[in-house]
N, C-alpha and C. Protein backbone atom coordinates (compact mmCIF):
# COMPACT_ATOMS: atom_id res chain seq x y z
N MET A 1 128.61 145.52 124.03
CA MET A 1 127.29 145.74 123.32
C MET A 1 127.93 146.15 121.71
N ILE A 2 127.17 145.60 120.93
CA ILE A 2 127.30 145.41 119.54
C ILE A 2 126.29 146.32 118.67
N ILE A 3 126.58 147.18 117.98
CA ILE A 3 125.33 147.79 117.03
C ILE A 3 125.69 147.53 115.69
N ASP A 4 124.82 147.09 114.96
CA ASP A 4 124.89 146.65 113.72
C ASP A 4 124.31 147.97 112.74
N ASP A 5 125.26 148.35 112.00
CA ASP A 5 125.34 149.52 110.97
C ASP A 5 125.27 149.19 109.68
N PRO A 6 124.42 149.70 108.70
CA PRO A 6 124.62 149.21 107.20
C PRO A 6 125.98 149.66 106.55
N GLU A 7 126.30 150.68 106.90
CA GLU A 7 127.83 151.25 106.54
C GLU A 7 128.96 150.52 107.20
N PHE A 8 129.08 150.50 108.37
CA PHE A 8 130.29 149.96 109.22
C PHE A 8 130.14 148.83 109.57
N GLY A 9 129.12 148.19 109.37
CA GLY A 9 129.06 146.99 109.85
C GLY A 9 128.73 146.70 111.47
N GLU A 10 129.45 145.73 112.35
CA GLU A 10 129.30 145.68 113.62
C GLU A 10 130.19 146.82 114.31
N ILE A 11 129.41 147.51 115.30
CA ILE A 11 130.19 148.57 115.83
C ILE A 11 130.16 148.01 117.53
N ILE A 12 131.67 148.04 117.82
CA ILE A 12 131.67 147.69 119.16
C ILE A 12 131.40 148.92 120.29
N VAL A 13 130.47 148.74 120.99
CA VAL A 13 130.37 149.55 122.22
C VAL A 13 130.62 149.44 123.36
N ARG A 14 131.66 150.46 124.08
CA ARG A 14 132.43 149.95 125.21
C ARG A 14 131.86 151.14 126.16
N LYS A 15 131.14 150.80 127.25
CA LYS A 15 130.61 151.75 128.49
C LYS A 15 131.56 151.69 129.46
N ASN A 16 132.23 152.91 129.66
CA ASN A 16 133.31 152.90 130.70
C ASN A 16 133.01 153.95 131.71
N PRO A 17 133.15 153.57 132.94
CA PRO A 17 132.62 154.66 133.92
C PRO A 17 133.56 155.84 134.02
N LEU A 18 134.77 155.55 133.55
CA LEU A 18 135.85 156.82 133.62
C LEU A 18 135.61 157.57 132.58
N SER A 19 135.09 157.30 131.34
CA SER A 19 134.74 158.03 130.02
C SER A 19 133.79 159.57 130.48
N ARG A 20 134.13 160.50 129.86
CA ARG A 20 133.27 161.82 130.01
C ARG A 20 132.66 161.90 128.53
N ASN A 21 133.21 161.46 127.55
CA ASN A 21 132.83 161.96 126.23
C ASN A 21 132.69 160.74 125.43
N LEU A 22 132.07 160.67 124.24
CA LEU A 22 132.22 159.43 123.30
C LEU A 22 133.27 159.51 122.50
N LYS A 23 133.88 158.44 122.22
CA LYS A 23 135.21 158.37 121.52
C LYS A 23 135.25 157.32 120.31
N PHE A 24 135.56 157.68 119.21
CA PHE A 24 135.14 156.65 118.19
C PHE A 24 136.80 156.44 117.91
N SER A 25 137.11 155.04 117.72
CA SER A 25 138.50 154.45 117.39
C SER A 25 138.21 153.07 116.48
N ILE A 26 139.30 152.63 116.29
CA ILE A 26 139.23 151.42 115.52
C ILE A 26 139.80 150.31 116.47
N SER A 27 138.88 149.17 116.51
CA SER A 27 139.25 148.26 117.43
C SER A 27 140.43 147.16 116.91
N THR A 28 141.01 146.33 117.37
CA THR A 28 142.10 145.37 116.95
C THR A 28 141.65 144.71 115.83
N SER A 29 140.14 144.53 115.59
CA SER A 29 139.68 143.50 114.88
C SER A 29 139.33 144.40 113.48
N GLY A 30 139.65 145.57 113.65
CA GLY A 30 139.46 146.68 112.43
C GLY A 30 137.77 147.01 112.56
N ARG A 31 137.25 146.78 113.50
CA ARG A 31 135.95 147.51 113.45
C ARG A 31 135.86 148.87 114.16
N LEU A 32 134.67 149.56 113.92
CA LEU A 32 134.59 150.70 114.43
C LEU A 32 134.03 150.40 116.04
N GLN A 33 134.70 151.20 116.88
CA GLN A 33 134.41 151.02 118.40
C GLN A 33 134.04 152.65 118.64
N VAL A 34 133.38 152.48 119.73
CA VAL A 34 132.59 153.71 120.55
C VAL A 34 133.12 153.36 122.30
N SER A 35 133.91 154.22 122.68
CA SER A 35 133.83 154.36 124.00
C SER A 35 132.75 155.41 124.65
N ALA A 36 132.11 155.13 125.47
CA ALA A 36 131.19 156.13 126.05
C ALA A 36 130.96 156.12 127.69
N PRO A 37 130.52 157.04 128.29
CA PRO A 37 130.34 157.15 129.75
C PRO A 37 129.36 156.02 129.92
N LYS A 38 129.33 155.37 131.12
CA LYS A 38 128.69 154.13 131.59
C LYS A 38 127.15 154.33 131.19
N ASN A 39 126.37 155.33 131.71
CA ASN A 39 125.04 155.58 131.42
C ASN A 39 124.65 156.36 130.14
N THR A 40 125.35 156.29 129.34
CA THR A 40 124.91 156.87 127.97
C THR A 40 123.81 156.16 127.35
N PRO A 41 122.87 156.50 126.85
CA PRO A 41 121.56 155.74 126.33
C PRO A 41 122.09 155.46 124.73
N ASN A 42 121.81 154.33 124.17
CA ASN A 42 122.29 153.77 123.14
C ASN A 42 121.56 154.49 122.07
N PHE A 43 120.34 155.38 121.82
CA PHE A 43 119.85 156.08 120.91
C PHE A 43 120.70 157.42 120.92
N PHE A 44 121.43 157.82 121.90
CA PHE A 44 122.26 158.71 121.88
C PHE A 44 123.77 158.57 120.97
N ILE A 45 124.15 157.36 121.28
CA ILE A 45 125.55 156.82 120.57
C ILE A 45 125.08 156.87 119.14
N LYS A 46 123.87 156.12 118.94
CA LYS A 46 123.55 156.14 117.37
C LYS A 46 123.37 157.61 116.69
N ARG A 47 122.75 158.39 117.40
CA ARG A 47 122.61 159.91 116.95
C ARG A 47 123.94 160.39 116.63
N CYS A 48 124.75 160.52 117.68
CA CYS A 48 126.22 160.90 117.54
C CYS A 48 127.06 160.22 116.06
N LEU A 49 126.80 158.96 116.28
CA LEU A 49 127.25 158.29 114.78
C LEU A 49 126.79 158.86 113.53
N ASN A 50 125.61 158.82 113.55
CA ASN A 50 124.88 159.51 112.23
C ASN A 50 125.39 161.02 111.96
N GLN A 51 125.54 161.78 113.16
CA GLN A 51 125.89 163.10 112.88
C GLN A 51 127.32 163.04 112.59
N ASN A 52 128.12 162.19 112.96
CA ASN A 52 129.56 162.09 112.52
C ASN A 52 130.01 160.99 111.51
N ARG A 53 129.11 160.71 110.78
CA ARG A 53 129.29 159.76 109.76
C ARG A 53 130.37 159.88 108.92
N ALA A 54 130.41 161.10 108.23
CA ALA A 54 131.32 161.66 107.12
C ALA A 54 132.55 162.01 107.63
N MET A 55 132.94 162.33 109.11
CA MET A 55 133.88 162.46 109.36
C MET A 55 134.72 161.30 109.77
N LEU A 56 133.92 160.19 110.27
CA LEU A 56 134.39 158.93 110.51
C LEU A 56 134.88 158.31 109.19
N ARG A 57 133.88 158.42 108.05
CA ARG A 57 134.51 157.83 106.95
C ARG A 57 135.87 158.38 106.54
N GLN A 58 136.25 159.52 106.75
CA GLN A 58 137.58 160.08 106.32
C GLN A 58 138.67 159.97 107.07
N GLN A 59 138.56 159.85 108.81
CA GLN A 59 139.41 160.01 109.38
C GLN A 59 139.92 158.24 110.05
N LEU A 60 138.87 157.31 109.94
CA LEU A 60 138.99 156.23 110.47
C LEU A 60 138.86 155.17 109.32
N PRO A 61 139.95 154.07 108.98
CA PRO A 61 139.94 153.47 108.14
C PRO A 61 139.26 152.12 108.64
N VAL A 62 137.86 152.27 108.41
CA VAL A 62 137.00 150.93 108.84
C VAL A 62 137.02 150.00 108.00
N ASN A 63 137.48 148.51 108.41
CA ASN A 63 137.23 147.42 107.53
C ASN A 63 135.97 147.34 106.77
N ASP A 64 135.71 146.66 105.66
CA ASP A 64 134.48 146.57 104.95
C ASP A 64 133.91 145.12 105.96
N PRO A 65 132.52 145.52 106.15
CA PRO A 65 131.68 144.42 106.91
C PRO A 65 132.12 143.07 106.11
N ALA A 66 132.25 142.74 104.99
CA ALA A 66 132.16 141.50 104.65
C ALA A 66 133.69 141.09 104.84
N THR A 67 134.62 141.99 105.04
CA THR A 67 136.13 141.45 105.43
C THR A 67 136.15 141.16 106.87
N GLN A 68 135.24 141.96 107.72
CA GLN A 68 134.96 141.58 109.15
C GLN A 68 134.53 140.15 109.08
N ARG A 69 133.54 139.84 108.53
CA ARG A 69 132.84 138.46 108.67
C ARG A 69 133.96 137.53 108.25
N ALA A 70 134.64 137.51 107.10
CA ALA A 70 135.66 136.65 106.64
C ALA A 70 136.45 136.38 107.90
N ARG A 71 137.08 137.47 108.40
CA ARG A 71 138.21 137.53 109.39
C ARG A 71 137.73 136.84 110.61
N ASP A 72 136.17 136.84 110.99
CA ASP A 72 135.59 136.24 112.17
C ASP A 72 135.65 134.68 111.97
N ALA A 73 135.23 134.36 110.60
CA ALA A 73 135.22 132.96 110.25
C ALA A 73 136.37 132.40 110.43
N LYS A 74 137.57 133.16 109.95
CA LYS A 74 138.90 132.52 109.85
C LYS A 74 139.38 132.30 111.22
N ARG A 75 139.02 133.37 112.25
CA ARG A 75 139.42 133.37 113.61
C ARG A 75 138.71 132.11 114.31
N LYS A 76 137.51 131.83 114.05
CA LYS A 76 136.69 130.44 114.56
C LYS A 76 137.38 129.35 114.21
N MET A 77 137.82 129.20 112.85
CA MET A 77 138.38 128.21 112.38
C MET A 77 139.70 127.72 113.05
N LEU A 78 140.50 128.76 113.25
CA LEU A 78 141.64 128.71 113.96
C LEU A 78 141.59 128.30 115.19
N ALA A 79 140.68 128.87 116.07
CA ALA A 79 140.30 128.60 117.33
C ALA A 79 140.02 127.24 117.66
N LYS A 80 139.13 126.66 116.66
CA LYS A 80 138.84 125.17 116.94
C LYS A 80 139.93 124.35 116.42
N LYS A 81 140.88 124.55 115.40
CA LYS A 81 142.02 123.59 115.19
C LYS A 81 142.86 123.85 116.25
N ALA A 82 143.05 125.12 117.01
CA ALA A 82 143.89 125.35 118.28
C ALA A 82 143.53 124.68 119.29
N ARG A 83 142.17 124.41 119.69
CA ARG A 83 141.84 123.53 120.87
C ARG A 83 142.00 122.31 120.50
N GLU A 84 142.08 121.73 119.41
CA GLU A 84 141.95 120.37 119.19
C GLU A 84 143.55 120.04 119.13
N TYR A 85 144.51 120.93 119.03
CA TYR A 85 146.02 120.62 118.54
C TYR A 85 146.76 121.13 119.92
N LEU A 86 146.84 122.41 120.12
CA LEU A 86 147.73 123.03 120.95
C LEU A 86 147.73 122.42 122.48
N PRO A 87 146.69 122.10 123.19
CA PRO A 87 146.80 121.89 124.56
C PRO A 87 147.51 120.18 124.71
N TYR A 88 147.23 119.43 123.56
CA TYR A 88 147.96 118.07 123.48
C TYR A 88 149.47 118.12 123.11
N ARG A 89 149.69 119.15 122.39
CA ARG A 89 151.27 119.25 121.95
C ARG A 89 151.77 119.82 123.18
N LEU A 90 151.20 120.84 123.86
CA LEU A 90 152.00 121.30 125.22
C LEU A 90 151.88 120.25 125.91
N GLU A 91 151.11 119.57 126.14
CA GLU A 91 151.22 118.30 127.14
C GLU A 91 152.32 117.46 126.52
N PHE A 92 152.42 117.09 125.42
CA PHE A 92 153.55 116.01 125.03
C PHE A 92 154.64 116.69 125.11
N LEU A 93 155.00 118.02 125.00
CA LEU A 93 156.58 118.40 124.89
C LEU A 93 156.47 118.58 126.55
N ALA A 94 156.03 118.99 127.29
CA ALA A 94 155.88 119.32 128.74
C ALA A 94 156.23 117.87 129.40
N ASN A 95 155.76 116.72 128.90
CA ASN A 95 156.08 115.40 129.25
C ASN A 95 157.53 115.10 129.15
N LYS A 96 157.62 115.14 127.86
CA LYS A 96 158.95 114.88 127.12
C LYS A 96 160.19 115.46 127.90
N HIS A 97 159.96 116.76 128.16
CA HIS A 97 160.96 117.29 128.87
C HIS A 97 161.08 117.75 130.16
N HIS A 98 159.88 116.99 130.82
CA HIS A 98 159.88 116.86 132.19
C HIS A 98 159.43 118.33 132.84
N TYR A 99 158.51 119.05 132.42
CA TYR A 99 158.03 120.26 132.78
C TYR A 99 156.58 119.91 133.38
N SER A 100 156.06 120.73 134.55
CA SER A 100 154.96 120.56 134.88
C SER A 100 154.15 122.15 134.93
N TYR A 101 153.18 122.25 134.44
CA TYR A 101 152.49 123.65 134.10
C TYR A 101 151.21 123.37 134.64
N ALA A 102 150.46 124.57 135.21
CA ALA A 102 149.24 124.62 135.97
C ALA A 102 148.05 124.27 134.96
N LYS A 103 148.16 125.22 134.06
CA LYS A 103 147.01 124.84 132.83
C LYS A 103 147.30 125.49 131.31
N CYS A 104 146.75 125.34 130.58
CA CYS A 104 146.92 125.71 129.19
C CYS A 104 145.76 126.70 129.04
N ARG A 105 146.11 128.03 128.32
CA ARG A 105 144.69 129.00 128.12
C ARG A 105 145.09 129.21 126.36
N LEU A 106 144.31 129.15 125.65
CA LEU A 106 144.31 129.65 124.30
C LEU A 106 143.83 131.43 124.34
N SER A 107 144.48 132.03 123.57
CA SER A 107 144.37 133.35 123.56
C SER A 107 144.17 133.88 121.90
N HIS A 108 143.94 135.07 121.70
CA HIS A 108 144.11 135.63 120.21
C HIS A 108 144.71 136.95 120.64
N ALA A 109 145.69 137.38 120.88
CA ALA A 109 146.51 138.65 121.39
C ALA A 109 147.12 138.98 119.74
N ASN A 110 147.40 140.26 119.40
CA ASN A 110 147.72 140.54 118.12
C ASN A 110 149.20 140.60 118.25
N THR A 111 149.90 140.55 119.08
CA THR A 111 151.30 140.85 119.43
C THR A 111 152.29 139.86 119.86
N ARG A 112 151.35 138.95 120.77
CA ARG A 112 152.15 137.81 121.51
C ARG A 112 151.75 136.29 120.80
N TRP A 113 152.86 135.44 120.87
CA TRP A 113 152.76 134.04 120.42
C TRP A 113 152.16 133.39 121.63
N GLY A 114 152.86 133.58 122.83
CA GLY A 114 152.53 133.07 123.80
C GLY A 114 152.94 133.63 125.00
N SER A 115 152.65 133.38 126.43
CA SER A 115 153.13 133.74 127.50
C SER A 115 153.03 132.95 128.70
N CYS A 116 153.84 132.70 129.66
CA CYS A 116 153.66 131.94 130.77
C CYS A 116 153.31 132.81 132.29
N SER A 117 152.94 132.47 132.92
CA SER A 117 152.40 133.37 134.19
C SER A 117 153.29 132.77 135.32
N SER A 118 153.53 133.62 136.39
CA SER A 118 154.22 132.83 137.34
C SER A 118 153.67 131.87 138.21
N SER A 119 152.23 131.80 138.19
CA SER A 119 151.24 130.65 138.48
C SER A 119 151.46 129.38 137.71
N GLY A 120 152.12 129.46 136.53
CA GLY A 120 152.15 128.26 135.80
C GLY A 120 151.23 128.21 134.69
N THR A 121 150.34 129.35 134.32
CA THR A 121 149.64 129.05 133.28
C THR A 121 150.65 129.45 131.88
N ILE A 122 150.15 128.67 130.93
CA ILE A 122 150.70 129.01 129.56
C ILE A 122 149.73 129.15 128.86
N SER A 123 149.89 130.46 128.20
CA SER A 123 148.88 131.01 127.27
C SER A 123 149.62 130.88 125.70
N LEU A 124 148.65 130.32 124.60
CA LEU A 124 149.26 129.95 123.36
C LEU A 124 148.29 130.71 122.66
N ASN A 125 148.69 131.56 121.47
CA ASN A 125 148.00 132.15 120.60
C ASN A 125 147.42 131.19 119.51
N ILE A 126 146.30 131.24 119.10
CA ILE A 126 145.43 130.39 118.10
C ILE A 126 146.16 130.65 116.71
N GLY A 127 147.02 131.81 116.52
CA GLY A 127 147.65 132.35 115.40
C GLY A 127 148.85 131.22 115.11
N LEU A 128 149.22 130.47 116.24
CA LEU A 128 150.32 129.42 115.82
C LEU A 128 149.72 128.43 114.87
N MET A 129 148.45 128.14 114.63
CA MET A 129 148.21 127.07 113.82
C MET A 129 148.41 127.55 112.26
N GLN A 130 148.89 128.84 112.10
CA GLN A 130 149.20 129.34 110.91
C GLN A 130 150.72 129.48 110.53
N VAL A 131 151.54 128.69 111.50
CA VAL A 131 152.87 128.59 110.98
C VAL A 131 153.40 127.44 111.19
N PRO A 132 154.82 127.16 110.59
CA PRO A 132 155.14 125.58 110.57
C PRO A 132 155.33 124.91 111.73
N GLU A 133 154.95 123.55 111.85
CA GLU A 133 155.19 122.85 113.33
C GLU A 133 156.28 123.14 114.15
N GLN A 134 157.44 123.39 113.44
CA GLN A 134 158.66 123.52 114.34
C GLN A 134 158.86 124.72 114.98
N LEU A 135 158.10 125.61 114.31
CA LEU A 135 157.89 127.31 114.87
C LEU A 135 156.89 127.08 116.16
N ARG A 136 155.85 126.26 115.89
CA ARG A 136 154.87 125.84 116.89
C ARG A 136 155.84 125.39 118.25
N ASP A 137 156.45 124.43 117.74
CA ASP A 137 157.17 123.80 119.06
C ASP A 137 158.31 124.79 119.62
N TYR A 138 158.90 125.48 118.77
CA TYR A 138 159.71 126.48 119.41
C TYR A 138 159.12 127.47 120.49
N VAL A 139 157.90 128.03 120.20
CA VAL A 139 157.17 128.71 120.97
C VAL A 139 156.72 128.01 122.32
N ILE A 140 156.10 126.81 122.19
CA ILE A 140 155.71 126.10 123.40
C ILE A 140 156.93 125.86 124.19
N LEU A 141 158.22 125.27 123.57
CA LEU A 141 159.35 125.02 124.55
C LEU A 141 159.95 126.42 125.04
N HIS A 142 159.60 127.64 124.39
CA HIS A 142 160.06 129.00 125.01
C HIS A 142 159.22 129.13 126.40
N GLU A 143 157.70 128.74 126.04
CA GLU A 143 156.88 129.24 127.44
C GLU A 143 157.06 128.32 128.15
N LEU A 144 157.41 126.90 128.09
CA LEU A 144 157.69 125.73 129.08
C LEU A 144 159.07 126.43 129.90
N ALA A 145 160.22 126.80 129.27
CA ALA A 145 161.52 127.29 129.67
C ALA A 145 161.33 128.31 130.75
N HIS A 146 159.97 129.08 130.40
CA HIS A 146 159.71 130.29 131.19
C HIS A 146 159.27 129.73 132.97
N LEU A 147 158.86 128.56 132.70
CA LEU A 147 158.42 127.89 134.10
C LEU A 147 159.64 127.96 135.12
N ASN A 148 160.80 127.71 134.62
CA ASN A 148 161.96 127.73 135.37
C ASN A 148 162.90 129.18 135.40
N HIS A 149 162.70 129.99 134.46
CA HIS A 149 163.14 131.30 134.46
C HIS A 149 162.26 132.49 133.78
N MET A 150 161.83 133.15 134.66
CA MET A 150 160.66 134.17 134.17
C MET A 150 160.95 135.23 133.67
N ASP A 151 162.47 135.12 132.96
CA ASP A 151 163.09 136.32 132.33
C ASP A 151 163.79 135.75 130.99
N HIS A 152 164.57 136.39 130.34
CA HIS A 152 165.09 136.00 129.23
C HIS A 152 166.73 136.13 129.31
N SER A 153 167.00 135.58 130.43
CA SER A 153 168.27 135.40 130.82
C SER A 153 169.28 134.43 129.89
N THR A 154 170.54 134.35 130.39
CA THR A 154 171.14 133.76 129.71
C THR A 154 171.03 132.08 130.04
N ALA A 155 170.55 131.88 131.44
CA ALA A 155 170.23 130.43 131.73
C ALA A 155 168.94 130.23 130.78
N PHE A 156 167.80 131.31 131.00
CA PHE A 156 166.88 130.84 130.24
C PHE A 156 167.21 130.33 128.57
N TRP A 157 168.01 131.07 127.76
CA TRP A 157 168.32 130.70 126.46
C TRP A 157 169.21 129.43 126.38
N ALA A 158 169.85 129.15 127.48
CA ALA A 158 170.63 127.69 127.67
C ALA A 158 169.74 126.70 127.59
N GLU A 159 168.76 126.92 128.49
CA GLU A 159 167.34 125.96 128.86
C GLU A 159 166.70 125.78 127.34
N VAL A 160 166.32 126.91 126.78
CA VAL A 160 165.65 126.61 125.36
C VAL A 160 166.58 125.85 124.46
N ALA A 161 167.83 126.13 124.37
CA ALA A 161 168.87 125.55 123.42
C ALA A 161 168.96 124.05 123.74
N GLU A 162 168.73 123.82 124.95
CA GLU A 162 168.85 122.24 125.24
C GLU A 162 167.83 121.52 124.79
N HIS A 163 166.54 122.01 124.63
CA HIS A 163 165.28 121.25 123.91
C HIS A 163 165.32 121.79 122.69
N ASP A 164 165.74 122.82 122.11
CA ASP A 164 165.53 123.15 120.53
C ASP A 164 166.84 123.74 120.13
N PRO A 165 167.97 122.88 119.66
CA PRO A 165 169.36 123.43 119.17
C PRO A 165 169.27 124.53 118.10
N LEU A 166 167.90 124.33 117.61
CA LEU A 166 167.98 125.42 116.50
C LEU A 166 166.86 126.58 116.79
N TYR A 167 167.13 126.96 117.81
CA TYR A 167 166.19 127.94 118.45
C TYR A 167 166.38 129.52 117.98
N LYS A 168 167.81 129.63 117.70
CA LYS A 168 168.11 130.84 117.09
C LYS A 168 167.58 131.34 115.66
N GLU A 169 167.44 129.97 115.00
CA GLU A 169 166.71 130.32 113.65
C GLU A 169 165.37 130.13 113.63
N HIS A 170 164.74 129.38 114.55
CA HIS A 170 163.32 129.56 114.64
C HIS A 170 162.82 130.64 115.44
N ARG A 171 163.60 131.47 116.21
CA ARG A 171 163.42 132.73 116.54
C ARG A 171 163.29 133.59 115.42
N ARG A 172 164.30 133.47 114.62
CA ARG A 172 164.42 134.68 113.43
C ARG A 172 163.15 134.20 112.58
N LYS A 173 162.71 133.10 112.20
CA LYS A 173 161.72 132.78 111.31
C LYS A 173 160.23 133.24 111.97
N ILE A 174 160.27 132.97 113.18
CA ILE A 174 158.79 133.20 113.65
C ILE A 174 158.57 134.73 113.60
N LYS A 175 159.46 135.49 113.46
CA LYS A 175 159.37 136.83 113.35
C LYS A 175 158.78 137.40 112.09
N LEU A 176 158.62 136.61 111.16
CA LEU A 176 158.38 136.71 109.78
C LEU A 176 156.89 136.70 109.58
N PHE A 177 156.03 136.04 110.70
CA PHE A 177 154.74 135.94 110.82
C PHE A 177 154.16 136.74 111.90
N SER A 178 152.88 136.75 111.63
CA SER A 178 152.14 137.97 112.48
C SER A 178 151.16 137.11 113.43
N PRO A 179 151.13 137.10 114.89
CA PRO A 179 150.00 136.49 115.68
C PRO A 179 148.84 136.81 115.45
N GLY A 180 148.42 137.87 115.02
CA GLY A 180 146.82 138.38 114.72
C GLY A 180 146.50 137.72 113.60
N VAL A 181 145.25 137.51 113.51
CA VAL A 181 144.37 137.06 112.34
C VAL A 181 144.07 138.19 111.30
């Protein structure tokens, strides 16, 4: 659920059956977030927000609502570009290097460029649309190699090197970017 507040912008409300108290924090998107017990009425959450407004202002670095909207717009644009590009690039590289994967999933993780599940699902971060193409390809090849090696063993890196001889340079360069938007 979302509460719209004139000062803090959109506030994310998460109702959790394991929570016993209200807890205010900052979400990964920079918004104010409230964790509340499952049956907490919304009016009570709003009342606590108003009572603790001064403390929240001082202790939690909430992004300006305009910044939140700009970030959301950028994320939507990147997601659109990623849907149009990444699944096709993954399919192209998989076919070129004789890999077979179950499905492609797009994500927006703040810490990972991609992942590969044991069931063959390859997840790629929409943030890849912000990096040069050779780094995108490195991440895709890295995840495809995980189809054969679910670890970072010597055999895994040998397989990555077989398809991307400059993988060490690409690995170093991708660390200069952040997967989050």
